[in-house]
N, C-alpha and C. Protein backbone atom coordinates (compact mmCIF):
# COMPACT_ATOMS: atom_id res chain seq x y z
N MET A 1 20.70 -0.52 -29.01
CA MET A 1 20.97 -1.61 -28.19
C MET A 1 20.02 -2.82 -28.57
N LYS A 2 20.57 -4.03 -28.76
CA LYS A 2 19.63 -5.11 -29.27
C LYS A 2 18.72 -5.52 -28.16
N TYR A 3 19.07 -5.46 -26.80
CA TYR A 3 18.15 -5.87 -25.72
C TYR A 3 17.06 -4.95 -25.64
N ALA A 4 17.35 -3.67 -25.89
CA ALA A 4 16.19 -2.63 -25.73
C ALA A 4 15.30 -2.81 -26.94
N ALA A 5 15.79 -3.02 -28.12
CA ALA A 5 14.94 -3.27 -29.41
C ALA A 5 14.09 -4.39 -29.07
N LEU A 6 14.51 -5.60 -28.67
CA LEU A 6 13.74 -6.75 -28.33
C LEU A 6 12.67 -6.43 -27.37
N LEU A 7 13.00 -5.74 -26.31
CA LEU A 7 12.04 -5.32 -25.15
C LEU A 7 10.91 -4.50 -25.88
N ALA A 8 11.29 -3.64 -26.68
CA ALA A 8 10.26 -2.85 -27.34
C ALA A 8 9.32 -3.60 -28.10
N ILE A 9 9.84 -4.61 -28.91
CA ILE A 9 8.96 -5.56 -29.56
C ILE A 9 7.98 -6.38 -28.61
N LEU A 10 8.59 -6.90 -27.63
CA LEU A 10 7.79 -7.62 -26.58
C LEU A 10 6.77 -6.88 -25.94
N ILE A 11 7.13 -5.63 -25.54
CA ILE A 11 6.18 -4.77 -24.92
C ILE A 11 5.01 -4.43 -25.83
N THR A 12 5.36 -4.15 -27.11
CA THR A 12 4.46 -3.74 -28.15
C THR A 12 3.43 -4.85 -28.31
N SER A 13 3.94 -6.10 -28.48
CA SER A 13 3.06 -7.21 -28.69
C SER A 13 2.15 -7.44 -27.60
N SER A 14 2.56 -7.17 -26.41
CA SER A 14 1.75 -7.49 -25.23
C SER A 14 0.85 -6.37 -24.62
N CYS A 15 1.04 -5.21 -25.21
CA CYS A 15 0.41 -4.07 -24.63
C CYS A 15 -0.47 -3.34 -25.55
N ARG A 16 -0.93 -3.97 -26.55
CA ARG A 16 -1.87 -3.31 -27.54
C ARG A 16 -2.97 -2.65 -26.93
N PRO A 17 -3.64 -3.26 -25.99
CA PRO A 17 -4.84 -2.49 -25.39
C PRO A 17 -4.64 -1.18 -24.70
N ARG A 18 -3.44 -0.96 -24.39
CA ARG A 18 -3.00 0.18 -23.58
C ARG A 18 -1.95 0.97 -24.46
N ASP A 19 -1.84 2.35 -24.22
CA ASP A 19 -0.86 3.08 -24.95
C ASP A 19 0.52 2.65 -24.38
N VAL A 20 1.37 2.21 -25.37
CA VAL A 20 2.70 1.67 -25.04
C VAL A 20 3.55 2.86 -24.51
N ALA A 21 3.33 3.97 -24.88
CA ALA A 21 4.15 5.17 -24.46
C ALA A 21 4.06 5.38 -22.91
N THR A 22 3.06 4.77 -22.39
CA THR A 22 2.84 5.06 -20.92
C THR A 22 3.66 4.09 -20.04
N VAL A 23 4.30 3.10 -20.69
CA VAL A 23 5.11 2.14 -20.00
C VAL A 23 6.53 2.57 -19.99
N PRO A 24 7.19 3.15 -19.02
CA PRO A 24 8.55 3.63 -19.01
C PRO A 24 9.53 2.43 -19.02
N VAL A 25 10.69 2.77 -19.76
CA VAL A 25 11.84 1.74 -19.78
C VAL A 25 13.06 2.43 -19.26
N GLN A 26 13.75 1.75 -18.23
CA GLN A 26 15.02 2.33 -17.84
C GLN A 26 16.11 1.16 -18.04
N VAL A 27 17.26 1.70 -18.34
CA VAL A 27 18.50 0.77 -18.50
C VAL A 27 19.27 0.74 -17.18
N CYS A 28 19.66 -0.41 -16.67
CA CYS A 28 20.28 -0.57 -15.41
C CYS A 28 21.68 -1.48 -15.69
N THR A 29 22.59 -1.25 -14.86
CA THR A 29 23.80 -2.02 -14.93
C THR A 29 24.19 -2.72 -13.79
N ASN A 30 23.35 -2.83 -12.74
CA ASN A 30 23.70 -3.55 -11.48
C ASN A 30 23.11 -5.01 -11.56
N ASP A 31 23.31 -5.63 -10.39
CA ASP A 31 22.66 -7.01 -10.31
C ASP A 31 21.21 -7.11 -10.62
N TYR A 32 20.70 -8.25 -11.35
CA TYR A 32 19.46 -8.38 -11.54
C TYR A 32 19.02 -9.85 -11.67
N ALA A 33 17.84 -10.26 -11.49
CA ALA A 33 17.46 -11.52 -11.78
C ALA A 33 16.98 -11.64 -13.26
N LEU A 34 17.58 -12.72 -13.94
CA LEU A 34 17.19 -12.88 -15.34
C LEU A 34 16.26 -14.16 -15.50
N CYS A 35 14.93 -14.01 -15.58
CA CYS A 35 14.15 -15.19 -15.55
C CYS A 35 13.74 -15.64 -16.97
N ALA A 36 14.34 -15.16 -17.92
CA ALA A 36 13.88 -15.44 -19.30
C ALA A 36 13.91 -16.87 -19.75
N ALA A 37 14.82 -17.70 -19.06
CA ALA A 37 14.93 -19.14 -19.40
C ALA A 37 14.60 -20.09 -18.30
N THR A 38 13.51 -19.48 -17.46
CA THR A 38 13.11 -20.20 -16.19
C THR A 38 11.71 -20.94 -16.47
N ASN A 39 11.62 -22.19 -15.97
CA ASN A 39 10.34 -22.77 -15.79
C ASN A 39 9.90 -22.64 -14.33
N CYS A 40 8.71 -22.25 -14.12
CA CYS A 40 8.20 -21.98 -12.76
C CYS A 40 7.32 -23.08 -12.19
N ALA A 41 6.93 -22.88 -10.90
CA ALA A 41 5.91 -23.80 -10.31
C ALA A 41 4.82 -23.05 -9.80
N PRO A 42 3.61 -23.56 -9.94
CA PRO A 42 2.43 -22.78 -9.37
C PRO A 42 2.63 -22.51 -7.79
N ALA A 43 2.38 -21.29 -7.43
CA ALA A 43 2.48 -21.00 -5.93
C ALA A 43 1.01 -21.22 -5.35
N LYS A 44 0.97 -21.34 -3.94
CA LYS A 44 -0.38 -21.46 -3.23
C LYS A 44 -0.73 -20.04 -2.81
N SER A 45 -0.62 -19.14 -3.64
CA SER A 45 -0.93 -17.73 -3.24
C SER A 45 -1.15 -16.98 -4.51
N GLU A 46 -1.66 -15.67 -4.19
CA GLU A 46 -1.84 -14.68 -5.38
C GLU A 46 -0.84 -13.57 -5.27
N ILE A 47 -0.69 -12.87 -6.22
CA ILE A 47 0.15 -11.75 -6.24
C ILE A 47 -0.49 -10.52 -6.79
N THR A 48 -0.25 -9.38 -6.17
CA THR A 48 -0.90 -8.11 -6.56
C THR A 48 0.18 -7.25 -7.41
N VAL A 49 -0.45 -6.85 -8.49
CA VAL A 49 0.41 -6.14 -9.46
C VAL A 49 -0.08 -4.76 -9.67
N ASN A 50 0.84 -3.74 -9.67
CA ASN A 50 0.54 -2.34 -9.86
C ASN A 50 1.13 -1.92 -11.22
N THR A 51 0.26 -1.69 -12.20
CA THR A 51 0.73 -1.30 -13.57
C THR A 51 0.22 0.12 -13.75
N MET A 52 1.19 1.01 -13.62
CA MET A 52 0.98 2.46 -13.84
C MET A 52 -0.33 2.92 -13.12
N GLY A 53 -0.47 2.46 -11.89
CA GLY A 53 -1.59 2.91 -11.05
C GLY A 53 -2.83 1.97 -11.13
N THR A 54 -2.90 0.87 -12.08
CA THR A 54 -3.92 0.06 -12.05
C THR A 54 -3.60 -1.20 -11.38
N ILE A 55 -4.23 -1.58 -10.32
CA ILE A 55 -3.91 -2.68 -9.35
C ILE A 55 -4.84 -3.89 -9.86
N THR A 56 -4.08 -5.06 -10.02
CA THR A 56 -4.80 -6.32 -10.39
C THR A 56 -4.12 -7.38 -9.51
N THR A 57 -4.88 -8.48 -9.45
CA THR A 57 -4.51 -9.68 -8.64
C THR A 57 -4.50 -10.87 -9.63
N TRP A 58 -3.46 -11.73 -9.40
CA TRP A 58 -3.33 -12.80 -10.35
C TRP A 58 -2.90 -14.09 -9.44
N LYS A 59 -3.08 -15.27 -9.99
CA LYS A 59 -2.56 -16.42 -9.57
C LYS A 59 -0.94 -16.28 -9.60
N ALA A 60 -0.28 -16.80 -8.65
CA ALA A 60 1.20 -16.57 -8.62
C ALA A 60 1.99 -17.87 -9.04
N ALA A 61 3.28 -17.60 -9.43
CA ALA A 61 4.23 -18.64 -9.83
C ALA A 61 5.42 -18.37 -8.99
N ASP A 62 6.11 -19.48 -8.51
CA ASP A 62 7.45 -19.45 -7.81
C ASP A 62 8.48 -19.70 -8.93
N CYS A 63 9.38 -18.80 -9.08
CA CYS A 63 10.47 -18.93 -10.17
C CYS A 63 11.77 -18.77 -9.46
N LEU A 64 12.78 -19.68 -9.87
CA LEU A 64 14.09 -19.49 -9.50
C LEU A 64 14.94 -18.95 -10.68
N CYS A 65 15.54 -17.75 -10.55
CA CYS A 65 16.13 -17.12 -11.63
C CYS A 65 17.63 -16.89 -11.36
N PRO A 66 18.61 -17.04 -12.28
CA PRO A 66 20.01 -16.64 -11.93
C PRO A 66 20.17 -15.21 -11.75
N ILE A 67 21.03 -14.80 -10.94
CA ILE A 67 21.41 -13.40 -10.65
C ILE A 67 22.55 -13.10 -11.66
N MET A 68 22.35 -11.99 -12.54
CA MET A 68 23.22 -11.59 -13.50
C MET A 68 23.75 -10.12 -13.23
N ARG A 69 24.76 -9.74 -13.94
CA ARG A 69 25.26 -8.43 -13.84
C ARG A 69 25.57 -7.86 -15.15
N GLY A 70 25.10 -6.56 -15.48
CA GLY A 70 25.45 -6.00 -16.81
C GLY A 70 24.18 -5.29 -17.28
N PRO A 71 24.16 -4.78 -18.45
CA PRO A 71 23.06 -3.92 -18.90
C PRO A 71 21.72 -4.74 -18.97
N SER A 72 20.67 -4.15 -18.49
CA SER A 72 19.39 -4.86 -18.48
C SER A 72 18.34 -3.72 -18.48
N VAL A 73 17.09 -3.98 -18.86
CA VAL A 73 16.10 -3.09 -18.84
C VAL A 73 14.85 -3.43 -17.84
N SER A 74 14.17 -2.56 -17.35
CA SER A 74 13.01 -2.79 -16.48
C SER A 74 12.11 -1.59 -16.62
N SER A 75 10.94 -1.66 -16.03
CA SER A 75 9.97 -0.50 -16.26
C SER A 75 9.39 -0.14 -14.89
N PRO A 76 9.85 0.96 -14.34
CA PRO A 76 9.32 1.50 -13.04
C PRO A 76 7.80 1.66 -13.10
N GLY A 77 7.09 1.35 -12.10
CA GLY A 77 5.59 1.63 -12.05
C GLY A 77 4.95 0.35 -12.63
N THR A 78 5.67 -0.72 -12.93
CA THR A 78 4.95 -1.95 -13.35
C THR A 78 5.47 -2.93 -12.51
N GLY A 79 4.89 -4.28 -12.58
CA GLY A 79 5.09 -5.28 -11.65
C GLY A 79 4.86 -4.92 -10.24
N ASN A 80 5.94 -5.04 -9.39
CA ASN A 80 5.80 -4.41 -8.05
C ASN A 80 7.01 -3.30 -7.83
N MET A 81 7.58 -2.89 -9.05
CA MET A 81 8.58 -1.95 -8.86
C MET A 81 8.06 -0.49 -8.71
N PRO A 82 8.48 0.17 -7.65
CA PRO A 82 7.97 1.59 -7.55
C PRO A 82 8.09 2.46 -8.69
N ASP A 83 7.21 3.47 -8.83
CA ASP A 83 7.29 4.39 -9.93
C ASP A 83 8.45 5.28 -9.64
N GLY A 84 9.45 5.53 -10.64
CA GLY A 84 10.48 6.33 -10.38
C GLY A 84 11.70 5.67 -9.99
N ASN A 85 11.75 4.44 -9.73
CA ASN A 85 13.03 3.75 -9.29
C ASN A 85 14.04 3.92 -10.49
N LYS A 86 15.27 4.30 -10.02
CA LYS A 86 16.33 4.48 -11.01
C LYS A 86 17.40 3.40 -10.83
N CYS A 87 17.12 2.22 -10.44
CA CYS A 87 18.02 1.15 -10.39
C CYS A 87 18.95 1.17 -9.07
N VAL A 88 18.86 2.29 -8.31
CA VAL A 88 19.68 2.39 -7.20
C VAL A 88 19.15 1.99 -5.84
N ASP A 89 17.71 2.02 -5.84
CA ASP A 89 17.02 1.79 -4.53
C ASP A 89 17.17 0.36 -4.14
N PRO A 90 17.48 0.12 -2.87
CA PRO A 90 17.70 -1.26 -2.39
C PRO A 90 16.40 -2.01 -2.50
N VAL A 91 16.41 -3.24 -2.88
CA VAL A 91 15.24 -4.12 -2.98
C VAL A 91 15.06 -4.93 -1.72
N MET A 92 14.08 -4.68 -1.07
CA MET A 92 13.90 -5.36 0.31
C MET A 92 12.73 -6.38 0.11
N VAL A 93 12.95 -7.73 0.40
CA VAL A 93 11.98 -8.69 0.34
C VAL A 93 12.02 -9.53 1.69
N ASP A 94 10.90 -9.45 2.47
CA ASP A 94 10.92 -10.16 3.74
C ASP A 94 12.05 -9.84 4.61
N GLY A 95 12.57 -8.56 4.61
CA GLY A 95 13.63 -8.25 5.45
C GLY A 95 15.00 -8.50 4.83
N LYS A 96 15.02 -9.03 3.64
CA LYS A 96 16.29 -9.45 3.10
C LYS A 96 16.63 -8.47 1.84
N THR A 97 17.91 -8.13 1.62
CA THR A 97 18.19 -7.36 0.35
C THR A 97 18.26 -8.39 -0.78
N GLY A 98 17.32 -8.05 -1.74
CA GLY A 98 17.25 -8.77 -2.99
C GLY A 98 17.65 -8.07 -4.17
N VAL A 99 17.11 -8.48 -5.31
CA VAL A 99 17.23 -7.82 -6.69
C VAL A 99 16.00 -7.63 -7.41
N TRP A 100 16.00 -6.81 -8.35
CA TRP A 100 14.83 -6.65 -9.16
C TRP A 100 15.00 -7.61 -10.40
N SER A 101 13.92 -8.23 -10.83
CA SER A 101 13.88 -9.05 -12.10
C SER A 101 13.87 -8.05 -13.23
N ALA A 102 14.66 -8.31 -14.30
CA ALA A 102 14.84 -7.31 -15.38
C ALA A 102 14.97 -8.25 -16.58
N TYR A 103 15.32 -7.54 -17.72
CA TYR A 103 15.37 -8.34 -18.95
C TYR A 103 16.63 -7.88 -19.71
N SER A 104 17.26 -8.80 -20.29
CA SER A 104 18.26 -8.62 -21.25
C SER A 104 18.54 -9.63 -22.29
N ILE A 105 19.14 -9.32 -23.44
CA ILE A 105 19.35 -10.28 -24.45
C ILE A 105 20.51 -11.08 -24.11
N ARG A 106 20.34 -12.43 -23.89
CA ARG A 106 21.38 -13.32 -23.73
C ARG A 106 20.93 -14.68 -24.28
N LYS A 107 21.88 -15.24 -25.03
CA LYS A 107 21.54 -16.47 -25.57
C LYS A 107 21.99 -17.68 -24.63
N ASN A 108 23.02 -17.50 -23.94
CA ASN A 108 23.45 -18.44 -22.85
C ASN A 108 23.16 -17.97 -21.59
N ILE A 109 22.24 -18.68 -20.89
CA ILE A 109 21.75 -18.42 -19.57
C ILE A 109 21.79 -19.54 -18.64
N PRO A 110 22.35 -19.41 -17.42
CA PRO A 110 22.32 -20.47 -16.45
C PRO A 110 20.79 -21.06 -16.35
N GLN A 111 20.76 -22.29 -16.41
CA GLN A 111 19.28 -22.84 -16.53
C GLN A 111 19.31 -24.19 -15.76
N ALA A 112 18.24 -24.45 -15.12
CA ALA A 112 17.98 -25.73 -14.45
C ALA A 112 17.90 -26.84 -15.53
N PRO A 113 18.40 -28.14 -15.02
CA PRO A 113 18.79 -28.56 -13.80
C PRO A 113 20.21 -28.38 -13.51
N ASP A 114 21.03 -28.21 -14.46
CA ASP A 114 22.47 -28.29 -14.31
C ASP A 114 23.16 -26.87 -13.99
N TRP A 115 22.44 -25.74 -14.41
CA TRP A 115 22.77 -24.37 -14.17
C TRP A 115 24.15 -24.17 -14.75
N LYS A 116 24.54 -24.63 -15.88
CA LYS A 116 25.75 -24.42 -16.59
C LYS A 116 25.60 -23.05 -17.21
N HIS A 117 26.75 -22.23 -17.15
CA HIS A 117 26.75 -21.06 -17.66
C HIS A 117 26.55 -20.84 -19.22
N ARG A 118 26.90 -22.03 -19.76
CA ARG A 118 26.83 -21.99 -21.32
C ARG A 118 25.66 -22.72 -21.83
N THR A 119 24.55 -22.84 -21.01
CA THR A 119 23.40 -23.55 -21.41
C THR A 119 22.74 -22.70 -22.59
N THR A 120 22.57 -23.17 -23.65
CA THR A 120 21.89 -22.50 -24.79
C THR A 120 20.33 -22.28 -24.61
N ALA A 121 19.90 -21.09 -24.71
CA ALA A 121 18.58 -20.80 -24.49
C ALA A 121 18.01 -19.85 -25.56
N SER A 122 17.82 -20.51 -26.66
CA SER A 122 17.35 -19.76 -27.93
C SER A 122 15.79 -19.62 -27.78
N PRO A 123 15.38 -18.46 -28.15
CA PRO A 123 13.90 -18.22 -28.03
C PRO A 123 13.12 -19.14 -29.12
N TYR A 124 11.87 -19.56 -28.64
CA TYR A 124 11.05 -20.43 -29.40
C TYR A 124 9.65 -20.15 -28.97
N VAL A 125 8.66 -20.65 -29.73
CA VAL A 125 7.37 -20.36 -29.46
C VAL A 125 6.64 -21.56 -28.88
N CYS A 126 5.88 -21.47 -27.80
CA CYS A 126 4.98 -22.44 -27.17
C CYS A 126 3.60 -22.32 -27.60
N ASP A 127 3.00 -23.20 -28.34
CA ASP A 127 1.68 -23.03 -28.75
C ASP A 127 0.68 -23.82 -27.75
N THR A 128 1.12 -24.69 -26.91
CA THR A 128 0.39 -25.19 -25.88
C THR A 128 0.96 -25.08 -24.59
N LEU A 129 0.32 -24.47 -23.57
CA LEU A 129 0.85 -24.29 -22.21
C LEU A 129 -0.16 -24.92 -21.22
N PRO A 130 -0.05 -26.04 -20.76
CA PRO A 130 -0.93 -26.61 -19.80
C PRO A 130 -1.26 -25.89 -18.57
N GLU A 131 -0.17 -25.20 -17.99
CA GLU A 131 -0.26 -24.55 -16.79
C GLU A 131 -0.07 -23.00 -17.03
N GLY A 132 -0.12 -22.61 -18.31
CA GLY A 132 0.01 -21.14 -18.56
C GLY A 132 1.43 -20.58 -18.67
N MET A 133 1.58 -19.36 -18.60
CA MET A 133 2.91 -18.75 -18.56
C MET A 133 3.13 -17.86 -17.45
N ALA A 134 4.36 -17.48 -17.10
CA ALA A 134 4.61 -16.54 -15.93
C ALA A 134 5.20 -15.39 -16.67
N GLN A 135 5.09 -14.12 -15.92
CA GLN A 135 5.56 -12.97 -16.42
C GLN A 135 6.36 -12.31 -15.32
N CYS A 136 7.69 -12.25 -15.42
CA CYS A 136 8.62 -11.87 -14.32
C CYS A 136 9.32 -10.55 -14.51
N TYR A 137 8.76 -9.64 -15.17
CA TYR A 137 9.24 -8.38 -15.58
C TYR A 137 9.10 -7.27 -14.48
N SER A 138 10.07 -6.84 -13.82
CA SER A 138 10.08 -5.75 -12.89
C SER A 138 9.38 -6.08 -11.66
N PHE A 139 9.85 -7.32 -11.06
CA PHE A 139 9.41 -7.80 -9.73
C PHE A 139 10.56 -7.82 -8.74
N ALA A 140 10.23 -7.70 -7.45
CA ALA A 140 11.22 -7.88 -6.43
C ALA A 140 11.39 -9.38 -6.20
N CYS A 141 12.67 -9.76 -6.10
CA CYS A 141 13.15 -11.15 -5.94
C CYS A 141 14.05 -11.21 -4.78
N SER A 142 13.96 -12.32 -3.85
CA SER A 142 14.72 -12.53 -2.64
C SER A 142 15.87 -13.45 -3.04
N PRO A 143 17.01 -13.28 -2.31
CA PRO A 143 18.11 -14.08 -2.47
C PRO A 143 17.77 -15.63 -2.15
N ALA A 144 18.28 -16.49 -2.99
CA ALA A 144 17.88 -18.03 -2.87
C ALA A 144 19.26 -18.82 -2.72
N GLY A 145 20.33 -18.18 -2.59
CA GLY A 145 21.60 -18.91 -2.41
C GLY A 145 22.24 -19.41 -3.78
N GLU A 146 23.29 -20.24 -3.68
CA GLU A 146 23.93 -20.77 -4.78
C GLU A 146 23.30 -22.04 -5.33
N ALA A 147 23.15 -22.19 -6.69
CA ALA A 147 22.65 -23.32 -7.19
C ALA A 147 23.54 -24.48 -7.14
N ILE A 148 22.86 -25.57 -6.86
CA ILE A 148 23.63 -26.90 -6.67
C ILE A 148 23.27 -27.76 -7.94
N GLY A 149 24.20 -28.27 -8.59
CA GLY A 149 24.06 -29.07 -9.76
C GLY A 149 23.62 -30.51 -9.53
N PRO A 150 23.26 -31.34 -10.47
CA PRO A 150 22.70 -32.67 -10.18
C PRO A 150 23.80 -33.46 -9.53
N ASP A 151 25.06 -33.19 -9.64
CA ASP A 151 26.09 -33.90 -8.92
C ASP A 151 26.27 -33.59 -7.49
N GLY A 152 25.44 -32.58 -7.09
CA GLY A 152 25.48 -32.19 -5.72
C GLY A 152 26.57 -31.17 -5.32
N LYS A 153 27.18 -30.64 -6.35
CA LYS A 153 28.27 -29.69 -6.26
C LYS A 153 27.81 -28.33 -6.49
N PRO A 154 28.35 -27.23 -5.82
CA PRO A 154 27.95 -25.86 -6.03
C PRO A 154 28.45 -25.51 -7.54
N THR A 155 27.57 -24.68 -8.16
CA THR A 155 27.72 -24.35 -9.58
C THR A 155 28.31 -22.95 -9.78
N GLY A 156 28.29 -22.16 -8.65
CA GLY A 156 28.83 -20.84 -8.81
C GLY A 156 27.77 -19.86 -9.33
N VAL A 157 26.68 -20.30 -9.55
CA VAL A 157 25.46 -19.50 -10.06
C VAL A 157 24.70 -19.11 -8.83
N MET A 158 24.53 -17.89 -8.62
CA MET A 158 23.70 -17.33 -7.38
C MET A 158 22.26 -17.12 -7.92
N LEU A 159 21.33 -17.57 -7.18
CA LEU A 159 19.89 -17.59 -7.55
C LEU A 159 19.03 -16.63 -6.84
N ALA A 160 17.98 -16.21 -7.39
CA ALA A 160 16.96 -15.38 -6.83
C ALA A 160 15.56 -16.01 -6.83
N SER A 161 14.86 -15.98 -5.78
CA SER A 161 13.47 -16.47 -5.79
C SER A 161 12.51 -15.44 -6.15
N CYS A 162 11.69 -15.60 -7.26
CA CYS A 162 10.90 -14.43 -7.71
C CYS A 162 9.45 -15.01 -7.74
N LYS A 163 8.48 -14.21 -7.25
CA LYS A 163 7.11 -14.62 -7.24
C LYS A 163 6.51 -13.80 -8.36
N CYS A 164 5.86 -14.41 -9.44
CA CYS A 164 5.50 -13.68 -10.74
C CYS A 164 4.04 -14.01 -10.95
N PRO A 165 3.28 -13.17 -11.66
CA PRO A 165 1.88 -13.46 -12.04
C PRO A 165 1.85 -14.41 -13.14
N ILE A 166 0.72 -15.22 -13.18
CA ILE A 166 0.43 -16.22 -14.26
C ILE A 166 -0.48 -15.57 -15.36
N ASN A 167 -0.16 -15.74 -16.52
CA ASN A 167 -0.92 -15.25 -17.56
C ASN A 167 -1.31 -13.80 -17.56
N GLU A 168 -0.22 -12.99 -17.20
CA GLU A 168 -0.40 -11.48 -17.22
C GLU A 168 0.62 -10.94 -18.08
N ALA A 169 0.25 -9.86 -18.95
CA ALA A 169 1.22 -9.20 -19.76
C ALA A 169 1.84 -8.01 -19.05
N PRO A 170 3.03 -7.45 -19.48
CA PRO A 170 3.59 -6.36 -18.60
C PRO A 170 2.70 -5.07 -18.57
N ASN A 171 1.62 -5.00 -19.41
CA ASN A 171 0.83 -3.81 -19.25
C ASN A 171 -0.44 -4.09 -18.40
N GLY A 172 -0.47 -5.28 -17.64
CA GLY A 172 -1.61 -5.59 -16.72
C GLY A 172 -2.69 -6.23 -17.44
N GLN A 173 -2.69 -6.60 -18.65
CA GLN A 173 -3.73 -7.30 -19.31
C GLN A 173 -3.64 -8.72 -19.22
N ALA A 174 -4.76 -9.49 -19.22
CA ALA A 174 -4.70 -10.90 -19.31
C ALA A 174 -4.27 -11.45 -20.51
N VAL A 175 -3.51 -12.55 -20.54
CA VAL A 175 -3.19 -13.25 -21.80
C VAL A 175 -3.89 -14.49 -21.95
N ASP A 176 -4.53 -14.81 -22.94
CA ASP A 176 -5.36 -16.01 -23.26
C ASP A 176 -4.35 -16.91 -23.92
N VAL A 177 -3.72 -17.86 -23.12
CA VAL A 177 -2.68 -18.68 -23.61
C VAL A 177 -3.24 -19.79 -24.58
N ALA A 178 -4.63 -20.02 -24.45
CA ALA A 178 -5.23 -20.98 -25.34
C ALA A 178 -5.21 -20.45 -26.74
N THR A 179 -5.13 -19.24 -27.05
CA THR A 179 -5.22 -18.66 -28.44
C THR A 179 -3.93 -17.88 -28.81
N THR A 180 -3.13 -17.51 -27.80
CA THR A 180 -1.89 -16.79 -28.14
C THR A 180 -0.69 -17.55 -27.99
N PRO A 181 0.15 -17.45 -28.91
CA PRO A 181 1.43 -18.16 -28.86
C PRO A 181 2.29 -17.37 -27.93
N ILE A 182 3.14 -18.10 -27.18
CA ILE A 182 4.04 -17.52 -26.08
C ILE A 182 5.56 -17.73 -26.44
N ILE A 183 6.37 -16.74 -26.47
CA ILE A 183 7.70 -16.94 -26.83
C ILE A 183 8.42 -17.04 -25.47
N THR A 184 9.44 -17.96 -25.43
CA THR A 184 10.14 -18.19 -24.12
C THR A 184 11.65 -18.62 -24.49
N GLN A 185 12.47 -18.58 -23.57
CA GLN A 185 13.73 -19.32 -23.65
C GLN A 185 13.91 -20.38 -22.57
N ALA A 186 12.80 -20.71 -21.97
CA ALA A 186 12.74 -21.75 -20.90
C ALA A 186 13.00 -23.10 -21.70
N ALA A 187 13.33 -24.11 -20.85
CA ALA A 187 13.59 -25.45 -21.36
C ALA A 187 12.47 -26.17 -21.96
N THR A 188 11.20 -25.91 -21.33
CA THR A 188 9.95 -26.63 -21.60
C THR A 188 8.86 -25.62 -21.68
N CYS A 189 7.67 -26.04 -22.24
CA CYS A 189 6.44 -25.19 -22.13
C CYS A 189 5.70 -25.42 -20.92
N ASN A 190 6.20 -26.05 -19.83
CA ASN A 190 5.50 -26.29 -18.52
C ASN A 190 5.69 -24.89 -17.61
N LEU A 191 4.72 -24.03 -17.70
CA LEU A 191 4.77 -22.81 -16.98
C LEU A 191 6.01 -21.94 -17.08
N PRO A 192 6.45 -21.72 -18.42
CA PRO A 192 7.62 -20.92 -18.61
C PRO A 192 7.42 -19.51 -18.41
N VAL A 193 8.56 -18.86 -18.20
CA VAL A 193 8.54 -17.31 -18.23
C VAL A 193 8.61 -16.95 -19.61
N GLY A 194 7.62 -16.12 -20.11
CA GLY A 194 7.57 -15.76 -21.43
C GLY A 194 6.56 -14.57 -21.65
N GLY A 195 6.26 -14.39 -22.91
CA GLY A 195 5.19 -13.25 -23.25
C GLY A 195 4.61 -13.56 -24.62
N PRO A 196 3.49 -12.80 -24.81
CA PRO A 196 2.67 -13.03 -26.04
C PRO A 196 3.71 -12.66 -27.36
N ALA A 197 3.60 -13.57 -28.31
CA ALA A 197 4.55 -13.50 -29.39
C ALA A 197 3.90 -13.85 -30.63
N PRO A 198 2.86 -13.26 -31.25
CA PRO A 198 2.20 -13.53 -32.38
C PRO A 198 3.06 -13.49 -33.69
N GLN A 199 4.07 -12.51 -33.67
CA GLN A 199 5.00 -12.24 -34.72
C GLN A 199 6.44 -11.98 -34.39
N VAL A 200 6.76 -12.47 -33.10
CA VAL A 200 8.08 -12.17 -32.53
C VAL A 200 9.03 -13.20 -32.71
N ALA A 201 8.80 -14.45 -32.96
CA ALA A 201 9.74 -15.47 -32.70
C ALA A 201 10.89 -15.23 -33.77
N SER A 202 10.72 -14.89 -35.07
CA SER A 202 11.87 -14.76 -35.88
C SER A 202 12.61 -13.61 -35.52
N LYS A 203 12.03 -12.54 -35.08
CA LYS A 203 12.81 -11.26 -34.80
C LYS A 203 13.66 -11.60 -33.51
N ALA A 204 13.09 -12.24 -32.49
CA ALA A 204 13.86 -12.70 -31.42
C ALA A 204 15.13 -13.50 -31.68
N ALA A 205 14.91 -14.58 -32.51
CA ALA A 205 15.95 -15.38 -32.89
C ALA A 205 17.10 -14.56 -33.63
N ALA A 206 16.60 -13.71 -34.50
CA ALA A 206 17.73 -12.90 -35.12
C ALA A 206 18.35 -11.99 -34.18
N ALA A 207 17.72 -11.37 -33.09
CA ALA A 207 18.34 -10.52 -32.29
C ALA A 207 19.38 -11.08 -31.39
N THR A 208 19.22 -12.43 -31.13
CA THR A 208 20.12 -13.17 -30.22
C THR A 208 21.18 -14.01 -31.06
N ALA A 209 21.14 -13.96 -32.41
CA ALA A 209 22.10 -14.69 -33.24
C ALA A 209 23.44 -14.06 -32.94
N PRO A 210 24.59 -14.90 -32.83
CA PRO A 210 25.98 -14.55 -32.54
C PRO A 210 26.41 -13.67 -33.73
């Protein structure tokens, strides 16, 4: 599966200090938040991340992500997803039923500001990130209603509000964005959701080619 192959590349590139085999990957087919093409905003809070039993605290970002359905991958025991989750446990955030943020290979992703379904979101590399990057893999997200377009009309795209750590890799390690290129599908390099990509850009572009 192409999405699983790219996820393996991303995890490998961001998890070198820790054994990649300790990070489980599960395939899900229910609703999920896809934050791959999202630009976030700094939050006025921190977020606690539990990565295979190692707890760390990070500056947080607020990210609005479209809710999608179909095959996706996530990693139980990372982010704030409980160990052993099998995609069927309800996601509760502040008393509301939400969704998990997960990852899948999609070239066309609903994206701000117009939230069109056919917005092209091709992977590219950010070399300069003034506010850093956000990492939204395997986090609980709350429902945020339907996206409204610039014309004030509903778009049909349902959104999730996800709180994600800034400058953290999926293995719980810090990412030095001053020296590490970041791959993303977001519209700009202003606090995009992404991950370390020293040699991933060309592979990711090939994986998403039609």
